[in-house]
C-alpha atoms as a PDB file:
ATOM      1  CA  MET A   1     -11.086  -1.837  22.062  1.00  0.00           C
ATOM      2  CA  THR A   2     -12.816  -5.205  22.613  1.00  0.00           C
ATOM      3  CA  GLN A   3     -16.133  -3.479  23.315  1.00  0.00           C
ATOM      4  CA  LYS A   4     -15.873  -1.388  20.142  1.00  0.00           C
ATOM      5  CA  ARG A   5     -15.117  -4.489  18.063  1.00  0.00           C
ATOM      6  CA  SER A   6     -18.068  -6.287  19.649  1.00  0.00           C
ATOM      7  CA  LEU A   7     -20.395  -3.376  18.866  1.00  0.00           C
ATOM      8  CA  LYS A   8     -19.168  -3.255  15.261  1.00  0.00           C
ATOM      9  CA  THR A   9     -19.688  -7.006  14.840  1.00  0.00           C
ATOM     10  CA  THR A  10     -23.175  -6.711  16.313  1.00  0.00           C
ATOM     11  CA  GLY A  11     -23.955  -3.936  13.852  1.00  0.00           C
ATOM     12  CA  VAL A  12     -22.812  -6.078  10.938  1.00  0.00           C
ATOM     13  CA  VAL A  13     -24.965  -9.002  12.067  1.00  0.00           C
ATOM     14  CA  ILE A  14     -28.034  -6.751  12.477  1.00  0.00           C
ATOM     15  CA  ALA A  15     -27.485  -5.182   9.053  1.00  0.00           C
ATOM     16  CA  PHE A  16     -27.184  -8.532   7.322  1.00  0.00           C
ATOM     17  CA  ALA A  17     -30.188  -9.866   9.220  1.00  0.00           C
ATOM     18  CA  ALA A  18     -32.185  -6.943   7.824  1.00  0.00           C
ATOM     19  CA  ILE A  19     -31.014  -7.751   4.294  1.00  0.00           C
ATOM     20  CA  VAL A  20     -32.008 -11.391   4.629  1.00  0.00           C
ATOM     21  CA  ALA A  21     -35.360 -10.448   6.189  1.00  0.00           C
ATOM     22  CA  ALA A  22     -36.088  -8.205   3.237  1.00  0.00           C
ATOM     23  CA  GLY A  23     -35.397 -11.087   0.874  1.00  0.00           C
ATOM     24  CA  ILE A  24     -32.367  -9.398  -0.684  1.00  0.00           C
ATOM     25  CA  VAL A  25     -29.909 -12.265  -0.879  1.00  0.00           C
ATOM     26  CA  SER A  26     -28.118 -11.793  -4.207  1.00  0.00           C
ATOM     27  CA  SER A  27     -24.328 -11.944  -4.048  1.00  0.00           C
ATOM     28  CA  ALA A  28     -24.064  -8.463  -5.544  1.00  0.00           C
ATOM     29  CA  ARG A  29     -26.241  -6.918  -2.810  1.00  0.00           C
ATOM     30  CA  VAL A  30     -24.383  -8.820  -0.097  1.00  0.00           C
ATOM     31  CA  ALA A  31     -21.049  -7.613  -1.538  1.00  0.00           C
ATOM     32  CA  ARG A  32     -22.304  -4.012  -1.535  1.00  0.00           C
ATOM     33  CA  ALA A  33     -23.429  -4.418   2.055  1.00  0.00           C
ATOM     34  CA  HIS A  34     -19.942  -5.628   2.962  1.00  0.00           C
ATOM     35  CA  ASP A  35     -18.494  -2.561   1.263  1.00  0.00           C
ATOM     36  CA  GLU A  36     -20.786  -0.117   3.047  1.00  0.00           C
ATOM     37  CA  LEU A  37     -20.098  -1.677   6.420  1.00  0.00           C
ATOM     38  CA  GLY A  38     -16.327  -1.662   5.924  1.00  0.00           C
ATOM     39  CA  GLU A  39     -16.286  -5.461   5.972  1.00  0.00           C
ATOM     40  CA  GLU A  40     -15.095  -6.135   2.425  1.00  0.00           C
ATOM     41  CA  THR A  41     -14.063  -9.746   1.925  1.00  0.00           C
ATOM     42  CA  GLU A  42     -11.337 -11.208  -0.255  1.00  0.00           C
ATOM     43  CA  GLU A  43     -14.093 -12.653  -2.430  1.00  0.00           C
ATOM     44  CA  ALA A  44     -15.323  -9.131  -3.141  1.00  0.00           C
ATOM     45  CA  LYS A  45     -11.793  -8.061  -4.073  1.00  0.00           C
ATOM     46  CA  ILE A  46     -11.498 -11.024  -6.454  1.00  0.00           C
ATOM     47  CA  ARG A  47     -14.752 -10.094  -8.207  1.00  0.00           C
ATOM     48  CA  ARG A  48     -13.707  -6.475  -8.442  1.00  0.00           C
ATOM     49  CA  GLY A  49     -10.302  -7.496  -9.764  1.00  0.00           C
ATOM     50  CA  PHE A  50     -11.855  -9.293 -12.722  1.00  0.00           C
ATOM     51  CA  ALA A  51     -14.231  -6.389 -13.339  1.00  0.00           C
ATOM     52  CA  ILE A  52     -11.396  -3.849 -13.647  1.00  0.00           C
ATOM     53  CA  ALA A  53      -8.805  -5.921 -15.535  1.00  0.00           C
ATOM     54  CA  PRO A  54      -8.144  -3.780 -18.651  1.00  0.00           C
ATOM     55  CA  VAL A  55      -6.993  -6.591 -20.961  1.00  0.00           C
ATOM     56  CA  GLN A  56      -8.206 -10.059 -21.920  1.00  0.00           C
ATOM     57  CA  LEU A  57      -6.710 -12.558 -19.473  1.00  0.00           C
ATOM     58  CA  LYS A  58      -5.336 -15.997 -20.316  1.00  0.00           C
ATOM     59  CA  MET A  59      -6.953 -18.131 -17.637  1.00  0.00           C
ATOM     60  CA  GLU A  60      -6.095 -21.654 -18.791  1.00  0.00           C
ATOM     61  CA  GLY A  61      -4.235 -23.445 -16.017  1.00  0.00           C
ATOM     62  CA  LYS A  62      -4.438 -20.399 -13.724  1.00  0.00           C
ATOM     63  CA  ASP A  63      -5.850 -20.141 -10.208  1.00  0.00           C
ATOM     64  CA  TRP A  64      -8.811 -17.816 -10.807  1.00  0.00           C
ATOM     65  CA  GLN A  65      -8.978 -16.681  -7.178  1.00  0.00           C
ATOM     66  CA  LEU A  66      -5.330 -15.633  -7.178  1.00  0.00           C
ATOM     67  CA  VAL A  67      -5.679 -13.965 -10.591  1.00  0.00           C
ATOM     68  CA  GLY A  68      -8.707 -11.951  -9.450  1.00  0.00           C
ATOM     69  CA  LEU A  69      -7.047 -10.874  -6.228  1.00  0.00           C
ATOM     70  CA  GLY A  70      -3.849 -10.054  -8.114  1.00  0.00           C
ATOM     71  CA  SER A  71      -5.787  -7.843 -10.514  1.00  0.00           C
ATOM     72  CA  TYR A  72      -7.300  -5.988  -7.572  1.00  0.00           C
ATOM     73  CA  LEU A  73      -3.870  -5.428  -6.040  1.00  0.00           C
ATOM     74  CA  VAL A  74      -2.244  -4.391  -9.337  1.00  0.00           C
ATOM     75  CA  ASN A  75      -5.062  -2.222 -10.698  1.00  0.00           C
ATOM     76  CA  ALA A  76      -6.829  -0.842  -7.625  1.00  0.00           C
ATOM     77  CA  ALA A  77      -4.387  -0.893  -4.717  1.00  0.00           C
ATOM     78  CA  ALA A  78      -0.878  -0.420  -6.104  1.00  0.00           C
ATOM     79  CA  ASP A  79      -1.392   1.386  -9.463  1.00  0.00           C
ATOM     80  CA  CYS A  80       1.407  -0.632 -11.069  1.00  0.00           C
ATOM     81  CA  ASN A  81       0.491   0.667 -14.519  1.00  0.00           C
ATOM     82  CA  GLY A  82       1.124   4.225 -13.365  1.00  0.00           C
ATOM     83  CA  CYS A  83       4.847   3.447 -13.420  1.00  0.00           C
ATOM     84  CA  HIS A  84       4.995   0.441 -15.741  1.00  0.00           C
ATOM     85  CA  SER A  85       3.308   2.029 -18.750  1.00  0.00           C
ATOM     86  CA  ALA A  86       5.091   4.367 -21.155  1.00  0.00           C
ATOM     87  CA  GLY A  87       4.011   7.445 -19.179  1.00  0.00           C
ATOM     88  CA  PRO A  88       0.994   9.684 -18.527  1.00  0.00           C
ATOM     89  CA  ALA A  89       0.607  10.730 -22.173  1.00  0.00           C
ATOM     90  CA  THR A  90      -0.224   7.186 -23.317  1.00  0.00           C
ATOM     91  CA  GLU A  91      -1.504   5.495 -20.140  1.00  0.00           C
ATOM     92  CA  TYR A  92      -5.152   6.050 -21.137  1.00  0.00           C
ATOM     93  CA  ILE A  93      -6.944   5.990 -24.465  1.00  0.00           C
ATOM     94  CA  VAL A  94      -6.905   9.632 -25.548  1.00  0.00           C
ATOM     95  CA  PRO A  95      -9.105  11.582 -25.426  1.00  0.00           C
ATOM     96  CA  THR A  96     -12.261   9.583 -24.742  1.00  0.00           C
ATOM     97  CA  GLY A  97     -10.882   7.329 -21.994  1.00  0.00           C
ATOM     98  CA  ASN A  98      -8.678   9.756 -20.077  1.00  0.00           C
ATOM     99  CA  PRO A  99     -10.348  10.645 -16.742  1.00  0.00           C
ATOM    100  CA  TYR A 100      -8.089  13.694 -16.370  1.00  0.00           C
ATOM    101  CA  PHE A 101      -9.742  15.331 -19.411  1.00  0.00           C
ATOM    102  CA  LEU A 102     -12.850  17.458 -19.446  1.00  0.00           C
ATOM    103  CA  SER A 103     -16.133  15.785 -20.344  1.00  0.00           C
ATOM    104  CA  PRO A 104     -16.321  15.888 -23.311  1.00  0.00           C
ATOM    105  CA  PRO A 105     -13.910  14.788 -24.822  1.00  0.00           C
ATOM    106  CA  PHE A 106     -13.757  12.348 -21.872  1.00  0.00           C
ATOM    107  CA  SER A 107     -16.612   9.894 -22.398  1.00  0.00           C
ATOM    108  CA  GLY A 108     -17.174   9.261 -18.698  1.00  0.00           C
ATOM    109  CA  LYS A 109     -15.633   5.782 -18.889  1.00  0.00           C
ATOM    110  CA  GLN A 110     -12.017   5.315 -17.902  1.00  0.00           C
ATOM    111  CA  GLN A 111     -10.120   3.254 -20.505  1.00  0.00           C
ATOM    112  CA  ILE A 112      -6.576   2.002 -19.934  1.00  0.00           C
ATOM    113  CA  ASN A 113      -4.508   1.871 -23.115  1.00  0.00           C
ATOM    114  CA  PRO A 114      -3.869  -1.861 -23.717  1.00  0.00           C
ATOM    115  CA  ALA A 115      -0.966  -1.065 -26.068  1.00  0.00           C
ATOM    116  CA  THR A 116       1.141   0.284 -23.194  1.00  0.00           C
ATOM    117  CA  TYR A 117      -0.415  -1.597 -20.252  1.00  0.00           C
ATOM    118  CA  LEU A 118       2.401  -2.842 -17.982  1.00  0.00           C
ATOM    119  CA  GLY A 119       4.760  -2.838 -20.971  1.00  0.00           C
ATOM    120  CA  GLY A 120       7.270  -0.548 -19.257  1.00  0.00           C
ATOM    121  CA  GLY A 121       9.242   2.311 -20.709  1.00  0.00           C
ATOM    122  CA  ARG A 122       8.377   5.232 -18.437  1.00  0.00           C
ATOM    123  CA  ASP A 123      11.522   7.363 -18.117  1.00  0.00           C
ATOM    124  CA  PHE A 124      12.504   8.314 -14.555  1.00  0.00           C
ATOM    125  CA  GLY A 125      15.797   9.907 -15.580  1.00  0.00           C
ATOM    126  CA  PRO A 126      17.950  11.816 -15.119  1.00  0.00           C
ATOM    127  CA  PHE A 127      18.685   9.871 -11.963  1.00  0.00           C
ATOM    128  CA  PRO A 128      19.528  10.527  -9.166  1.00  0.00           C
ATOM    129  CA  GLY A 129      20.056  14.227  -9.956  1.00  0.00           C
ATOM    130  CA  PRO A 130      22.146  16.952  -8.282  1.00  0.00           C
ATOM    131  CA  PRO A 131      24.409  16.906  -6.385  1.00  0.00           C
ATOM    132  CA  PHE A 132      25.174  13.419  -7.722  1.00  0.00           C
ATOM    133  CA  PRO A 133      26.279  12.555 -11.262  1.00  0.00           C
ATOM    134  CA  SER A 134      23.212  11.276 -13.085  1.00  0.00           C
ATOM    135  CA  ILE A 135      22.403   8.592 -15.622  1.00  0.00           C
ATOM    136  CA  PRO A 136      20.307  10.076 -18.455  1.00  0.00           C
ATOM    137  CA  HIS A 137      17.527   7.465 -18.516  1.00  0.00           C
ATOM    138  CA  LEU A 138      16.039   5.022 -16.026  1.00  0.00           C
ATOM    139  CA  TYR A 139      13.103   3.128 -17.521  1.00  0.00           C
ATOM    140  CA  SER A 140      10.423   1.111 -15.751  1.00  0.00           C
ATOM    141  CA  ARG A 141      10.442  -2.581 -16.726  1.00  0.00           C
ATOM    142  CA  ASN A 142       8.073  -4.628 -18.840  1.00  0.00           C
ATOM    143  CA  LEU A 143       5.995  -6.750 -16.431  1.00  0.00           C
ATOM    144  CA  THR A 144       4.144  -8.895 -18.982  1.00  0.00           C
ATOM    145  CA  PRO A 145       5.049 -12.528 -19.752  1.00  0.00           C
ATOM    146  CA  ASP A 146       7.482 -13.432 -22.518  1.00  0.00           C
ATOM    147  CA  HIS A 147       7.396 -16.571 -24.708  1.00  0.00           C
ATOM    148  CA  THR A 148       8.067 -18.749 -21.635  1.00  0.00           C
ATOM    149  CA  GLY A 149       4.751 -17.677 -20.118  1.00  0.00           C
ATOM    150  CA  LEU A 150       6.548 -16.202 -17.099  1.00  0.00           C
ATOM    151  CA  PRO A 151       6.131 -12.495 -16.312  1.00  0.00           C
ATOM    152  CA  ILE A 152       8.712  -9.710 -16.054  1.00  0.00           C
ATOM    153  CA  GLY A 153      10.687 -11.149 -18.936  1.00  0.00           C
ATOM    154  CA  GLY A 154      10.711 -14.745 -17.729  1.00  0.00           C
ATOM    155  CA  HIS A 155      11.252 -14.464 -13.970  1.00  0.00           C
ATOM    156  CA  THR A 156      10.179 -17.304 -11.686  1.00  0.00           C
ATOM    157  CA  PHE A 157       8.026 -16.657  -8.645  1.00  0.00           C
ATOM    158  CA  ASP A 158      11.037 -17.055  -6.338  1.00  0.00           C
ATOM    159  CA  GLU A 159      12.880 -14.397  -8.357  1.00  0.00           C
ATOM    160  CA  PHE A 160       9.821 -12.136  -8.337  1.00  0.00           C
ATOM    161  CA  ARG A 161       9.471 -12.525  -4.585  1.00  0.00           C
ATOM    162  CA  HIS A 162      13.169 -11.710  -4.181  1.00  0.00           C
ATOM    163  CA  ILE A 163      12.690  -8.565  -6.274  1.00  0.00           C
ATOM    164  CA  MET A 164       9.730  -7.479  -4.161  1.00  0.00           C
ATOM    165  CA  ARG A 165      11.419  -8.289  -0.854  1.00  0.00           C
ATOM    166  CA  HIS A 166      14.945  -7.024  -1.602  1.00  0.00           C
ATOM    167  CA  GLY A 167      14.816  -4.895  -4.759  1.00  0.00           C
ATOM    168  CA  THR A 168      17.347  -7.048  -6.598  1.00  0.00           C
ATOM    169  CA  ASP A 169      17.947  -6.075 -10.231  1.00  0.00           C
ATOM    170  CA  PHE A 170      18.538  -9.428 -11.911  1.00  0.00           C
ATOM    171  CA  ASP A 171      19.185  -7.647 -15.229  1.00  0.00           C
ATOM    172  CA  HIS A 172      22.067  -5.572 -13.813  1.00  0.00           C
ATOM    173  CA  VAL A 173      20.988  -2.685 -16.036  1.00  0.00           C
ATOM    174  CA  HIS A 174      22.751   0.011 -13.983  1.00  0.00           C
ATOM    175  CA  PRO A 175      26.022  -1.303 -12.493  1.00  0.00           C
ATOM    176  CA  ASN A 176      27.913   0.463  -9.747  1.00  0.00           C
ATOM    177  CA  CYS A 177      30.354   3.100 -10.963  1.00  0.00           C
ATOM    178  CA  ILE A 178      34.027   2.509 -10.254  1.00  0.00           C
ATOM    179  CA  THR A 179      34.551   6.296 -10.533  1.00  0.00           C
ATOM    180  CA  GLY A 180      37.382   5.897 -12.937  1.00  0.00           C
ATOM    181  CA  PRO A 181      38.121   5.681 -16.677  1.00  0.00           C
ATOM    182  CA  GLY A 182      35.861   3.269 -18.511  1.00  0.00           C
ATOM    183  CA  ASP A 183      32.766   3.728 -16.353  1.00  0.00           C
ATOM    184  CA  PRO A 184      29.663   3.203 -18.534  1.00  0.00           C
ATOM    185  CA  SER A 185      27.264   6.117 -18.923  1.00  0.00           C
ATOM    186  CA  ASN A 186      24.490   4.148 -17.215  1.00  0.00           C
ATOM    187  CA  CYS A 187      26.407   3.318 -14.010  1.00  0.00           C
ATOM    188  CA  VAL A 188      25.105   4.390 -10.594  1.00  0.00           C
ATOM    189  CA  VAL A 189      27.372   6.406  -8.344  1.00  0.00           C
ATOM    190  CA  ALA A 190      27.800   5.666  -4.618  1.00  0.00           C
ATOM    191  CA  PRO A 191      26.129   5.794  -2.159  1.00  0.00           C
ATOM    192  CA  PHE A 192      23.389   4.441  -4.481  1.00  0.00           C
ATOM    193  CA  ASN A 193      23.567   0.676  -4.970  1.00  0.00           C
ATOM    194  CA  GLY A 194      23.450  -0.357  -8.630  1.00  0.00           C
ATOM    195  CA  ASP A 195      22.544  -3.922  -7.692  1.00  0.00           C
ATOM    196  CA  LEU A 196      19.133  -2.681  -6.544  1.00  0.00           C
ATOM    197  CA  LEU A 197      16.140  -1.208  -8.366  1.00  0.00           C
ATOM    198  CA  GLN A 198      16.405   2.487  -7.540  1.00  0.00           C
ATOM    199  CA  VAL A 199      12.932   3.827  -8.379  1.00  0.00           C
ATOM    200  CA  MET A 200      10.592   0.894  -7.746  1.00  0.00           C
ATOM    201  CA  PRO A 201       9.061   1.197  -4.244  1.00  0.00           C
ATOM    202  CA  TRP A 202      10.134  -2.279  -3.142  1.00  0.00           C
ATOM    203  CA  PRO A 203      10.896  -0.996   0.407  1.00  0.00           C
ATOM    204  CA  VAL A 204       7.110  -0.600   0.700  1.00  0.00           C
ATOM    205  CA  TYR A 205       6.078  -3.731  -1.211  1.00  0.00           C
ATOM    206  CA  GLN A 206       8.461  -5.917   0.800  1.00  0.00           C
ATOM    207  CA  ASN A 207       5.890  -5.754   3.601  1.00  0.00           C
ATOM    208  CA  MET A 208       3.230  -7.547   1.532  1.00  0.00           C
ATOM    209  CA  THR A 209       2.245 -11.084   2.472  1.00  0.00           C
ATOM    210  CA  ASN A 210       3.430 -14.072   0.445  1.00  0.00           C
ATOM    211  CA  HIS A 211      -0.202 -14.699  -0.455  1.00  0.00           C
ATOM    212  CA  ASP A 212      -0.573 -11.231  -1.973  1.00  0.00           C
ATOM    213  CA  LEU A 213       2.745 -11.506  -3.819  1.00  0.00           C
ATOM    214  CA  ARG A 214       1.666 -14.871  -5.223  1.00  0.00           C
ATOM    215  CA  ALA A 215      -1.630 -13.329  -6.363  1.00  0.00           C
ATOM    216  CA  ILE A 216       0.170 -10.486  -8.144  1.00  0.00           C
ATOM    217  CA  TYR A 217       2.498 -12.952  -9.862  1.00  0.00           C
ATOM    218  CA  GLU A 218      -0.405 -15.165 -10.942  1.00  0.00           C
ATOM    219  CA  TYR A 219      -2.196 -12.146 -12.410  1.00  0.00           C
ATOM    220  CA  LEU A 220       0.908 -11.061 -14.320  1.00  0.00           C
ATOM    221  CA  LYS A 221       1.181 -14.607 -15.725  1.00  0.00           C
ATOM    222  CA  ALA A 222      -2.381 -14.291 -17.041  1.00  0.00           C
ATOM    223  CA  LEU A 223      -1.613 -11.153 -19.062  1.00  0.00           C
ATOM    224  CA  PRO A 224      -1.022 -11.186 -22.818  1.00  0.00           C
ATOM    225  CA  CYS A 225       2.597 -10.643 -23.818  1.00  0.00           C
ATOM    226  CA  ASN A 226       3.390  -7.010 -24.563  1.00  0.00           C
ATOM    227  CA  PRO A 227       6.440  -6.654 -26.868  1.00  0.00           C
ATOM    228  CA  GLY A 228       7.389  -3.489 -25.014  1.00  0.00           C
ATOM    229  CA  PRO A 229       8.691  -0.185 -26.334  1.00  0.00           C
ATOM    230  CA  ASN A 230      11.586  -0.093 -28.772  1.00  0.00           C
ATOM    231  CA  ILE A 231      13.972   2.350 -27.102  1.00  0.00           C
ATOM    232  CA  ASP A 232      17.604   2.795 -28.085  1.00  0.00           C
ATOM    233  CA  GLY A 233      19.885   1.588 -25.323  1.00  0.00           C
ATOM    234  CA  ALA A 234      17.109  -0.269 -23.495  1.00  0.00           C
ATOM    235  CA  PRO A 235      16.783  -3.716 -25.128  1.00  0.00           C
ATOM    236  CA  TYR A 236      15.839  -5.178 -21.738  1.00  0.00           C
ATOM    237  CA  LEU A 237      12.365  -3.668 -22.218  1.00  0.00           C
ATOM    238  CA  GLN A 238      11.673  -5.905 -25.202  1.00  0.00           C
ATOM    239  CA  ASN A 239       9.724  -9.145 -24.834  1.00  0.00           C
ATOM    240  CA  VAL A 240       9.998 -12.081 -27.220  1.00  0.00           C
ATOM    241  CA  CYS A 241       6.344 -13.091 -27.364  1.00  0.00           C
ATOM    242  CA  ASN A 242       6.507 -16.157 -29.639  1.00  0.00           C
END
């Protein structure tokens, strides 16, 4: 293993020496060389994150390195918008920006729909499905900042980290069923735990580093407020933007 790593490192050094010898020293060419050699740096991820951010970011008072890295994680690595938009029908600008369409009408340039970007509202119900009694609707949450400037409807970083590490539903949208008279229609039946987010893949995201979680949070803080979809029975999706 050590010998293989040494050979790979030697190859990287030789490749970069060739680039320098040829007089090709621009940051863009160096970044591409990193990519081709499988040696992509965090700096390259930060640059790419800014390049693929689909909305205008509010950068005042933000750590630009964390925001760029967070954009890379949200938009390239985790596909957060795939769940936290209103659904496949409105995730992209239709028809010209939808990469799943034929070309034409697809223009060849992917375009995320800013009106639904990370605003929540995708319906994952009925949940959990047979053989268990199901709740009719389970919507993904609005991740954008509210009037406080904090994302996910005003959650602090410590709360966000707790959500990502433990899946805690601070909104208590789907309480545990008592299995008796008076149970609300949106309660979750055992063995499912209504105190936890049931669809979000937090058991995977809990393995992320604190640095990456901080970057994601900083990126979400830099987003414009999305009022969220107006869905009957789901007022928790709405953001007060001003």
